[in-house]
Amino acid sequence: KHINIINTETDFLNLLNSEKQVYCYMWEKIYKK
């Protein structure tokens, strides 16, 4: 499947604030930061 890449924190926040449920993966070291 296609994976949508997000590189900015603003886009990531917009994704999290979405009304529908979204799924994302990230490296654990990115999550810790």
PDB file of all heavy atoms in Angstrom:
ATOM      1  N   LYS A   1       0.842  -1.189   0.000  1.00  0.00           N
ATOM      2  CA  LYS A   1       0.000   0.000   0.000  1.00  0.00           C
ATOM      3  C   LYS A   1       0.883   1.247   0.000  1.00  0.00           C
ATOM      4  O   LYS A   1       2.043   1.196   0.409  1.00  0.00           O
ATOM      5  CB  LYS A   1      -0.967   0.020   1.171  1.00  0.00           C
ATOM      6  CG  LYS A   1      -0.318   0.210   2.509  1.00  0.00           C
ATOM      7  CD  LYS A   1      -1.204   0.210   3.749  1.00  0.00           C
ATOM      8  CE  LYS A   1      -2.634   0.352   3.575  1.00  0.00           C
ATOM      9  NZ  LYS A   1      -3.438   0.385   4.783  1.00  0.00           N
ATOM     10  N   HIS A   2       0.299   2.335  -0.429  1.00  0.00           N
ATOM     11  CA  HIS A   2       0.994   3.614  -0.437  1.00  0.00           C
ATOM     12  C   HIS A   2       1.120   4.128   0.996  1.00  0.00           C
ATOM     13  O   HIS A   2       0.193   3.998   1.796  1.00  0.00           O
ATOM     14  CB  HIS A   2       0.234   4.631  -1.296  1.00  0.00           C
ATOM     15  CG  HIS A   2       0.849   5.984  -1.298  1.00  0.00           C
ATOM     16  ND1 HIS A   2       1.999   6.269  -1.985  1.00  0.00           N
ATOM     17  CD2 HIS A   2       0.475   7.120  -0.675  1.00  0.00           C
ATOM     18  CE1 HIS A   2       2.316   7.535  -1.797  1.00  0.00           C
ATOM     19  NE2 HIS A   2       1.395   8.074  -1.006  1.00  0.00           N
ATOM     20  N   ILE A   3       2.255   4.711   1.302  1.00  0.00           N
ATOM     21  CA  ILE A   3       2.473   5.294   2.618  1.00  0.00           C
ATOM     22  C   ILE A   3       2.678   6.790   2.444  1.00  0.00           C
ATOM     23  O   ILE A   3       3.549   7.224   1.691  1.00  0.00           O
ATOM     24  CB  ILE A   3       3.678   4.652   3.322  1.00  0.00           C
ATOM     25  CG1 ILE A   3       3.392   3.172   3.559  1.00  0.00           C
ATOM     26  CG2 ILE A   3       3.978   5.367   4.634  1.00  0.00           C
ATOM     27  CD1 ILE A   3       4.532   2.388   4.108  1.00  0.00           C
ATOM     28  N   ASN A   4       1.870   7.569   3.132  1.00  0.00           N
ATOM     29  CA  ASN A   4       1.971   9.022   3.085  1.00  0.00           C
ATOM     30  C   ASN A   4       3.047   9.476   4.070  1.00  0.00           C
ATOM     31  O   ASN A   4       2.965   9.168   5.265  1.00  0.00           O
ATOM     32  CB  ASN A   4       0.631   9.658   3.451  1.00  0.00           C
ATOM     33  CG  ASN A   4      -0.474   9.189   2.533  1.00  0.00           C
ATOM     34  OD1 ASN A   4      -0.401   9.381   1.333  1.00  0.00           O
ATOM     35  ND2 ASN A   4      -1.478   8.542   3.098  1.00  0.00           N
ATOM     36  N   ILE A   5       4.025  10.200   3.582  1.00  0.00           N
ATOM     37  CA  ILE A   5       5.149  10.615   4.407  1.00  0.00           C
ATOM     38  C   ILE A   5       4.912  12.028   4.932  1.00  0.00           C
ATOM     39  O   ILE A   5       4.579  12.935   4.178  1.00  0.00           O
ATOM     40  CB  ILE A   5       6.457  10.561   3.602  1.00  0.00           C
ATOM     41  CG1 ILE A   5       6.668   9.148   3.067  1.00  0.00           C
ATOM     42  CG2 ILE A   5       7.636  10.989   4.455  1.00  0.00           C
ATOM     43  CD1 ILE A   5       7.737   9.035   2.025  1.00  0.00           C
ATOM     44  N   ILE A   6       5.100  12.173   6.225  1.00  0.00           N
ATOM     45  CA  ILE A   6       4.962  13.478   6.881  1.00  0.00           C
ATOM     46  C   ILE A   6       6.327  13.849   7.449  1.00  0.00           C
ATOM     47  O   ILE A   6       6.922  13.066   8.198  1.00  0.00           O
ATOM     48  CB  ILE A   6       3.920  13.420   8.013  1.00  0.00           C
ATOM     49  CG1 ILE A   6       2.577  13.016   7.455  1.00  0.00           C
ATOM     50  CG2 ILE A   6       3.849  14.749   8.738  1.00  0.00           C
ATOM     51  CD1 ILE A   6       1.556  12.741   8.517  1.00  0.00           C
ATOM     52  N   ASN A   7       6.806  15.037   7.103  1.00  0.00           N
ATOM     53  CA  ASN A   7       8.133  15.445   7.560  1.00  0.00           C
ATOM     54  C   ASN A   7       8.127  16.645   8.498  1.00  0.00           C
ATOM     55  O   ASN A   7       9.152  16.954   9.101  1.00  0.00           O
ATOM     56  CB  ASN A   7       9.038  15.746   6.362  1.00  0.00           C
ATOM     57  CG  ASN A   7       9.473  14.475   5.673  1.00  0.00           C
ATOM     58  OD1 ASN A   7       9.825  13.510   6.327  1.00  0.00           O
ATOM     59  ND2 ASN A   7       9.426  14.470   4.363  1.00  0.00           N
ATOM     60  N   THR A   8       6.992  17.334   8.629  1.00  0.00           N
ATOM     61  CA  THR A   8       6.970  18.508   9.498  1.00  0.00           C
ATOM     62  C   THR A   8       6.062  18.271  10.691  1.00  0.00           C
ATOM     63  O   THR A   8       5.078  17.521  10.617  1.00  0.00           O
ATOM     64  CB  THR A   8       6.476  19.754   8.731  1.00  0.00           C
ATOM     65  OG1 THR A   8       5.116  19.561   8.360  1.00  0.00           O
ATOM     66  CG2 THR A   8       7.328  20.025   7.499  1.00  0.00           C
ATOM     67  N   GLU A   9       6.389  18.934  11.774  1.00  0.00           N
ATOM     68  CA  GLU A   9       5.595  18.775  12.993  1.00  0.00           C
ATOM     69  C   GLU A   9       4.193  19.365  12.811  1.00  0.00           C
ATOM     70  O   GLU A   9       3.216  18.848  13.357  1.00  0.00           O
ATOM     71  CB  GLU A   9       6.308  19.446  14.165  1.00  0.00           C
ATOM     72  CG  GLU A   9       5.712  19.089  15.501  1.00  0.00           C
ATOM     73  CD  GLU A   9       6.539  19.576  16.663  1.00  0.00           C
ATOM     74  OE1 GLU A   9       7.742  19.264  16.709  1.00  0.00           O
ATOM     75  OE2 GLU A   9       5.958  20.268  17.524  1.00  0.00           O
ATOM     76  N   THR A  10       4.086  20.410  12.025  1.00  0.00           N
ATOM     77  CA  THR A  10       2.776  21.021  11.759  1.00  0.00           C
ATOM     78  C   THR A  10       1.852  20.042  11.044  1.00  0.00           C
ATOM     79  O   THR A  10       0.687  19.879  11.437  1.00  0.00           O
ATOM     80  CB  THR A  10       2.952  22.294  10.894  1.00  0.00           C
ATOM     81  OG1 THR A  10       3.878  23.156  11.532  1.00  0.00           O
ATOM     82  CG2 THR A  10       1.640  23.008  10.700  1.00  0.00           C
ATOM     83  N   ASP A  11       2.367  19.380  10.014  1.00  0.00           N
ATOM     84  CA  ASP A  11       1.560  18.380   9.304  1.00  0.00           C
ATOM     85  C   ASP A  11       1.195  17.216  10.218  1.00  0.00           C
ATOM     86  O   ASP A  11       0.101  16.658  10.132  1.00  0.00           O
ATOM     87  CB  ASP A  11       2.303  17.870   8.073  1.00  0.00           C
ATOM     88  CG  ASP A  11       2.440  18.922   6.987  1.00  0.00           C
ATOM     89  OD1 ASP A  11       1.659  19.895   7.006  1.00  0.00           O
ATOM     90  OD2 ASP A  11       3.326  18.759   6.130  1.00  0.00           O
ATOM     91  N   PHE A  12       2.116  16.850  11.085  1.00  0.00           N
ATOM     92  CA  PHE A  12       1.855  15.763  12.023  1.00  0.00           C
ATOM     93  C   PHE A  12       0.742  16.159  12.997  1.00  0.00           C
ATOM     94  O   PHE A  12      -0.154  15.358  13.283  1.00  0.00           O
ATOM     95  CB  PHE A  12       3.140  15.391  12.766  1.00  0.00           C
ATOM     96  CG  PHE A  12       3.003  14.218  13.688  1.00  0.00           C
ATOM     97  CD1 PHE A  12       2.653  12.964  13.221  1.00  0.00           C
ATOM     98  CD2 PHE A  12       3.209  14.365  15.051  1.00  0.00           C
ATOM     99  CE1 PHE A  12       2.521  11.879  14.068  1.00  0.00           C
ATOM    100  CE2 PHE A  12       3.087  13.296  15.913  1.00  0.00           C
ATOM    101  CZ  PHE A  12       2.738  12.051  15.423  1.00  0.00           C
ATOM    102  N   LEU A  13       0.774  17.384  13.498  1.00  0.00           N
ATOM    103  CA  LEU A  13      -0.284  17.862  14.391  1.00  0.00           C
ATOM    104  C   LEU A  13      -1.628  17.904  13.680  1.00  0.00           C
ATOM    105  O   LEU A  13      -2.659  17.551  14.267  1.00  0.00           O
ATOM    106  CB  LEU A  13       0.069  19.242  14.934  1.00  0.00           C
ATOM    107  CG  LEU A  13       1.048  19.261  16.099  1.00  0.00           C
ATOM    108  CD1 LEU A  13       1.483  20.669  16.410  1.00  0.00           C
ATOM    109  CD2 LEU A  13       0.435  18.605  17.314  1.00  0.00           C
ATOM    110  N   ASN A  14      -1.623  18.355  12.430  1.00  0.00           N
ATOM    111  CA  ASN A  14      -2.869  18.363  11.644  1.00  0.00           C
ATOM    112  C   ASN A  14      -3.430  16.954  11.493  1.00  0.00           C
ATOM    113  O   ASN A  14      -4.639  16.742  11.548  1.00  0.00           O
ATOM    114  CB  ASN A  14      -2.643  18.999  10.280  1.00  0.00           C
ATOM    115  CG  ASN A  14      -2.397  20.488  10.369  1.00  0.00           C
ATOM    116  OD1 ASN A  14      -2.782  21.122  11.345  1.00  0.00           O
ATOM    117  ND2 ASN A  14      -1.745  21.035   9.363  1.00  0.00           N
ATOM    118  N   LEU A  15      -2.539  16.001  11.297  1.00  0.00           N
ATOM    119  CA  LEU A  15      -2.962  14.600  11.176  1.00  0.00           C
ATOM    120  C   LEU A  15      -3.591  14.123  12.483  1.00  0.00           C
ATOM    121  O   LEU A  15      -4.657  13.496  12.482  1.00  0.00           O
ATOM    122  CB  LEU A  15      -1.770  13.726  10.792  1.00  0.00           C
ATOM    123  CG  LEU A  15      -2.050  12.238  10.633  1.00  0.00           C
ATOM    124  CD1 LEU A  15      -2.846  11.992   9.356  1.00  0.00           C
ATOM    125  CD2 LEU A  15      -0.759  11.456  10.610  1.00  0.00           C
ATOM    126  N   LEU A  16      -2.954  14.428  13.594  1.00  0.00           N
ATOM    127  CA  LEU A  16      -3.472  13.995  14.899  1.00  0.00           C
ATOM    128  C   LEU A  16      -4.797  14.662  15.241  1.00  0.00           C
ATOM    129  O   LEU A  16      -5.628  14.082  15.940  1.00  0.00           O
ATOM    130  CB  LEU A  16      -2.443  14.274  15.998  1.00  0.00           C
ATOM    131  CG  LEU A  16      -1.167  13.453  15.951  1.00  0.00           C
ATOM    132  CD1 LEU A  16      -0.227  13.881  17.070  1.00  0.00           C
ATOM    133  CD2 LEU A  16      -1.447  11.974  16.032  1.00  0.00           C
ATOM    134  N   ASN A  17      -4.999  15.868  14.760  1.00  0.00           N
ATOM    135  CA  ASN A  17      -6.242  16.601  15.038  1.00  0.00           C
ATOM    136  C   ASN A  17      -7.362  16.264  14.064  1.00  0.00           C
ATOM    137  O   ASN A  17      -8.444  16.843  14.145  1.00  0.00           O
ATOM    138  CB  ASN A  17      -5.974  18.108  15.026  1.00  0.00           C
ATOM    139  CG  ASN A  17      -5.107  18.528  16.193  1.00  0.00           C
ATOM    140  OD1 ASN A  17      -5.166  17.929  17.258  1.00  0.00           O
ATOM    141  ND2 ASN A  17      -4.292  19.550  15.995  1.00  0.00           N
ATOM    142  N   SER A  18      -7.105  15.320  13.190  1.00  0.00           N
ATOM    143  CA  SER A  18      -8.109  14.914  12.216  1.00  0.00           C
ATOM    144  C   SER A  18      -9.329  14.330  12.921  1.00  0.00           C
ATOM    145  O   SER A  18      -9.219  13.714  13.982  1.00  0.00           O
ATOM    146  CB  SER A  18      -7.497  13.883  11.262  1.00  0.00           C
ATOM    147  OG  SER A  18      -8.476  13.359  10.415  1.00  0.00           O
ATOM    148  N   GLU A  19     -10.504  14.525  12.312  1.00  0.00           N
ATOM    149  CA  GLU A  19     -11.749  14.010  12.885  1.00  0.00           C
ATOM    150  C   GLU A  19     -11.856  12.490  12.760  1.00  0.00           C
ATOM    151  O   GLU A  19     -12.465  11.843  13.591  1.00  0.00           O
ATOM    152  CB  GLU A  19     -12.935  14.674  12.187  1.00  0.00           C
ATOM    153  CG  GLU A  19     -12.893  16.168  12.302  1.00  0.00           C
ATOM    154  CD  GLU A  19     -14.143  16.724  12.917  1.00  0.00           C
ATOM    155  OE1 GLU A  19     -15.126  15.986  13.017  1.00  0.00           O
ATOM    156  OE2 GLU A  19     -14.103  17.890  13.297  1.00  0.00           O
ATOM    157  N   LYS A  20     -11.249  11.948  11.718  1.00  0.00           N
ATOM    158  CA  LYS A  20     -11.299  10.495  11.544  1.00  0.00           C
ATOM    159  C   LYS A  20     -10.052   9.858  12.166  1.00  0.00           C
ATOM    160  O   LYS A  20      -9.052  10.525  12.420  1.00  0.00           O
ATOM    161  CB  LYS A  20     -11.401  10.132  10.060  1.00  0.00           C
ATOM    162  CG  LYS A  20     -10.242  10.603   9.223  1.00  0.00           C
ATOM    163  CD  LYS A  20     -10.443  10.223   7.778  1.00  0.00           C
ATOM    164  CE  LYS A  20      -9.232  10.696   6.980  1.00  0.00           C
ATOM    165  NZ  LYS A  20      -9.254  10.259   5.622  1.00  0.00           N
ATOM    166  N   GLN A  21     -10.157   8.575  12.400  1.00  0.00           N
ATOM    167  CA  GLN A  21      -9.031   7.860  12.979  1.00  0.00           C
ATOM    168  C   GLN A  21      -7.947   7.672  11.928  1.00  0.00           C
ATOM    169  O   GLN A  21      -8.222   7.220  10.818  1.00  0.00           O
ATOM    170  CB  GLN A  21      -9.465   6.503  13.532  1.00  0.00           C
ATOM    171  CG  GLN A  21      -8.366   5.802  14.286  1.00  0.00           C
ATOM    172  CD  GLN A  21      -8.848   4.542  14.985  1.00  0.00           C
ATOM    173  OE1 GLN A  21      -9.915   4.023  14.679  1.00  0.00           O
ATOM    174  NE2 GLN A  21      -8.048   4.059  15.914  1.00  0.00           N
ATOM    175  N   VAL A  22      -6.727   8.023  12.286  1.00  0.00           N
ATOM    176  CA  VAL A  22      -5.585   7.888  11.377  1.00  0.00           C
ATOM    177  C   VAL A  22      -4.520   7.025  12.050  1.00  0.00           C
ATOM    178  O   VAL A  22      -4.457   6.938  13.278  1.00  0.00           O
ATOM    179  CB  VAL A  22      -4.994   9.262  10.986  1.00  0.00           C
ATOM    180  CG1 VAL A  22      -5.965  10.053  10.147  1.00  0.00           C
ATOM    181  CG2 VAL A  22      -4.570  10.045  12.202  1.00  0.00           C
ATOM    182  N   TYR A  23      -3.703   6.414  11.210  1.00  0.00           N
ATOM    183  CA  TYR A  23      -2.639   5.535  11.688  1.00  0.00           C
ATOM    184  C   TYR A  23      -1.310   6.027  11.140  1.00  0.00           C
ATOM    185  O   TYR A  23      -1.212   6.420   9.979  1.00  0.00           O
ATOM    186  CB  TYR A  23      -2.888   4.099  11.235  1.00  0.00           C
ATOM    187  CG  TYR A  23      -4.160   3.515  11.788  1.00  0.00           C
ATOM    188  CD1 TYR A  23      -5.356   3.617  11.094  1.00  0.00           C
ATOM    189  CD2 TYR A  23      -4.156   2.876  13.023  1.00  0.00           C
ATOM    190  CE1 TYR A  23      -6.520   3.088  11.608  1.00  0.00           C
ATOM    191  CE2 TYR A  23      -5.324   2.344  13.535  1.00  0.00           C
ATOM    192  CZ  TYR A  23      -6.494   2.453  12.829  1.00  0.00           C
ATOM    193  OH  TYR A  23      -7.659   1.937  13.343  1.00  0.00           O
ATOM    194  N   CYS A  24      -0.310   5.957  11.973  1.00  0.00           N
ATOM    195  CA  CYS A  24       1.009   6.455  11.590  1.00  0.00           C
ATOM    196  C   CYS A  24       2.073   5.592  12.271  1.00  0.00           C
ATOM    197  O   CYS A  24       1.862   5.106  13.388  1.00  0.00           O
ATOM    198  CB  CYS A  24       1.140   7.911  12.035  1.00  0.00           C
ATOM    199  SG  CYS A  24       2.697   8.700  11.621  1.00  0.00           S
ATOM    200  N   TYR A  25       3.185   5.413  11.606  1.00  0.00           N
ATOM    201  CA  TYR A  25       4.300   4.756  12.273  1.00  0.00           C
ATOM    202  C   TYR A  25       5.486   5.705  12.282  1.00  0.00           C
ATOM    203  O   TYR A  25       5.593   6.617  11.476  1.00  0.00           O
ATOM    204  CB  TYR A  25       4.646   3.405  11.633  1.00  0.00           C
ATOM    205  CG  TYR A  25       5.436   3.448  10.347  1.00  0.00           C
ATOM    206  CD1 TYR A  25       6.826   3.457  10.361  1.00  0.00           C
ATOM    207  CD2 TYR A  25       4.797   3.447   9.116  1.00  0.00           C
ATOM    208  CE1 TYR A  25       7.548   3.476   9.185  1.00  0.00           C
ATOM    209  CE2 TYR A  25       5.499   3.465   7.941  1.00  0.00           C
ATOM    210  CZ  TYR A  25       6.889   3.478   7.979  1.00  0.00           C
ATOM    211  OH  TYR A  25       7.591   3.497   6.817  1.00  0.00           O
ATOM    212  N   MET A  26       6.342   5.484  13.277  1.00  0.00           N
ATOM    213  CA  MET A  26       7.547   6.310  13.407  1.00  0.00           C
ATOM    214  C   MET A  26       8.594   5.540  14.195  1.00  0.00           C
ATOM    215  O   MET A  26       8.281   4.583  14.892  1.00  0.00           O
ATOM    216  CB  MET A  26       7.228   7.637  14.105  1.00  0.00           C
ATOM    217  CG  MET A  26       6.830   7.493  15.550  1.00  0.00           C
ATOM    218  SD  MET A  26       6.445   9.048  16.357  1.00  0.00           S
ATOM    219  CE  MET A  26       4.880   9.418  15.643  1.00  0.00           C
ATOM    220  N   TRP A  27       9.822   5.979  14.035  1.00  0.00           N
ATOM    221  CA  TRP A  27      10.902   5.386  14.830  1.00  0.00           C
ATOM    222  C   TRP A  27      10.673   5.784  16.284  1.00  0.00           C
ATOM    223  O   TRP A  27      10.198   6.880  16.591  1.00  0.00           O
ATOM    224  CB  TRP A  27      12.264   5.868  14.377  1.00  0.00           C
ATOM    225  CG  TRP A  27      12.627   5.713  12.935  1.00  0.00           C
ATOM    226  CD1 TRP A  27      13.396   6.565  12.216  1.00  0.00           C
ATOM    227  CD2 TRP A  27      12.295   4.657  12.022  1.00  0.00           C
ATOM    228  NE1 TRP A  27      13.545   6.116  10.926  1.00  0.00           N
ATOM    229  CE2 TRP A  27      12.871   4.941  10.782  1.00  0.00           C
ATOM    230  CE3 TRP A  27      11.525   3.496  12.130  1.00  0.00           C
ATOM    231  CZ2 TRP A  27      12.733   4.122   9.674  1.00  0.00           C
ATOM    232  CZ3 TRP A  27      11.382   2.672  11.021  1.00  0.00           C
ATOM    233  CH2 TRP A  27      11.986   2.979   9.823  1.00  0.00           C
ATOM    234  N   GLU A  28      11.031   4.906  17.178  1.00  0.00           N
ATOM    235  CA  GLU A  28      10.844   5.167  18.599  1.00  0.00           C
ATOM    236  C   GLU A  28      11.640   6.391  19.056  1.00  0.00           C
ATOM    237  O   GLU A  28      11.191   7.156  19.908  1.00  0.00           O
ATOM    238  CB  GLU A  28      11.253   3.930  19.412  1.00  0.00           C
ATOM    239  CG  GLU A  28      10.818   3.985  20.853  1.00  0.00           C
ATOM    240  CD  GLU A  28      11.101   2.690  21.572  1.00  0.00           C
ATOM    241  OE1 GLU A  28      10.324   1.742  21.393  1.00  0.00           O
ATOM    242  OE2 GLU A  28      12.119   2.636  22.304  1.00  0.00           O
ATOM    243  N   LYS A  29      12.798   6.600  18.476  1.00  0.00           N
ATOM    244  CA  LYS A  29      13.608   7.763  18.871  1.00  0.00           C
ATOM    245  C   LYS A  29      12.916   9.070  18.464  1.00  0.00           C
ATOM    246  O   LYS A  29      13.067  10.080  19.143  1.00  0.00           O
ATOM    247  CB  LYS A  29      15.014   7.675  18.279  1.00  0.00           C
ATOM    248  CG  LYS A  29      15.091   7.736  16.776  1.00  0.00           C
ATOM    249  CD  LYS A  29      16.512   7.562  16.286  1.00  0.00           C
ATOM    250  CE  LYS A  29      16.569   7.602  14.773  1.00  0.00           C
ATOM    251  NZ  LYS A  29      17.918   7.399  14.278  1.00  0.00           N
ATOM    252  N   ILE A  30      12.140   9.066  17.384  1.00  0.00           N
ATOM    253  CA  ILE A  30      11.359  10.246  16.993  1.00  0.00           C
ATOM    254  C   ILE A  30      10.233  10.462  18.013  1.00  0.00           C
ATOM    255  O   ILE A  30       9.970  11.582  18.436  1.00  0.00           O
ATOM    256  CB  ILE A  30      10.765  10.075  15.576  1.00  0.00           C
ATOM    257  CG1 ILE A  30      11.853   9.850  14.535  1.00  0.00           C
ATOM    258  CG2 ILE A  30       9.856  11.228  15.206  1.00  0.00           C
ATOM    259  CD1 ILE A  30      12.663  11.043  14.173  1.00  0.00           C
ATOM    260  N   TYR A  31       9.582   9.370  18.407  1.00  0.00           N
ATOM    261  CA  TYR A  31       8.496   9.457  19.391  1.00  0.00           C
ATOM    262  C   TYR A  31       9.004  10.031  20.715  1.00  0.00           C
ATOM    263  O   TYR A  31       8.348  10.870  21.327  1.00  0.00           O
ATOM    264  CB  TYR A  31       7.871   8.079  19.606  1.00  0.00           C
ATOM    265  CG  TYR A  31       6.822   8.065  20.684  1.00  0.00           C
ATOM    266  CD1 TYR A  31       5.541   8.540  20.425  1.00  0.00           C
ATOM    267  CD2 TYR A  31       7.117   7.591  21.960  1.00  0.00           C
ATOM    268  CE1 TYR A  31       4.574   8.547  21.421  1.00  0.00           C
ATOM    269  CE2 TYR A  31       6.157   7.600  22.952  1.00  0.00           C
ATOM    270  CZ  TYR A  31       4.895   8.076  22.682  1.00  0.00           C
ATOM    271  OH  TYR A  31       3.940   8.092  23.668  1.00  0.00           O
ATOM    272  N   LYS A  32      10.168   9.588  21.150  1.00  0.00           N
ATOM    273  CA  LYS A  32      10.710  10.055  22.429  1.00  0.00           C
ATOM    274  C   LYS A  32      11.010  11.552  22.413  1.00  0.00           C
ATOM    275  O   LYS A  32      10.979  12.195  23.457  1.00  0.00           O
ATOM    276  CB  LYS A  32      11.973   9.272  22.778  1.00  0.00           C
ATOM    277  CG  LYS A  32      11.689   7.848  23.204  1.00  0.00           C
ATOM    278  CD  LYS A  32      12.959   7.113  23.531  1.00  0.00           C
ATOM    279  CE  LYS A  32      12.644   5.695  23.973  1.00  0.00           C
ATOM    280  NZ  LYS A  32      13.867   4.938  24.284  1.00  0.00           N
ATOM    281  N   LYS A  33      11.272  12.110  21.249  1.00  0.00           N
ATOM    282  CA  LYS A  33      11.587  13.536  21.140  1.00  0.00           C
ATOM    283  C   LYS A  33      10.337  14.422  21.049  1.00  0.00           C
ATOM    284  O   LYS A  33      10.443  15.633  21.096  1.00  0.00           O
ATOM    285  CB  LYS A  33      12.468  13.788  19.915  1.00  0.00           C
ATOM    286  CG  LYS A  33      13.861  13.205  20.043  1.00  0.00           C
ATOM    287  CD  LYS A  33      14.668  13.473  18.793  1.00  0.00           C
ATOM    288  CE  LYS A  33      16.032  12.814  18.879  1.00  0.00           C
ATOM    289  NZ  LYS A  33      16.797  12.987  17.633  1.00  0.00           N
TER     290      LYS A  33
END
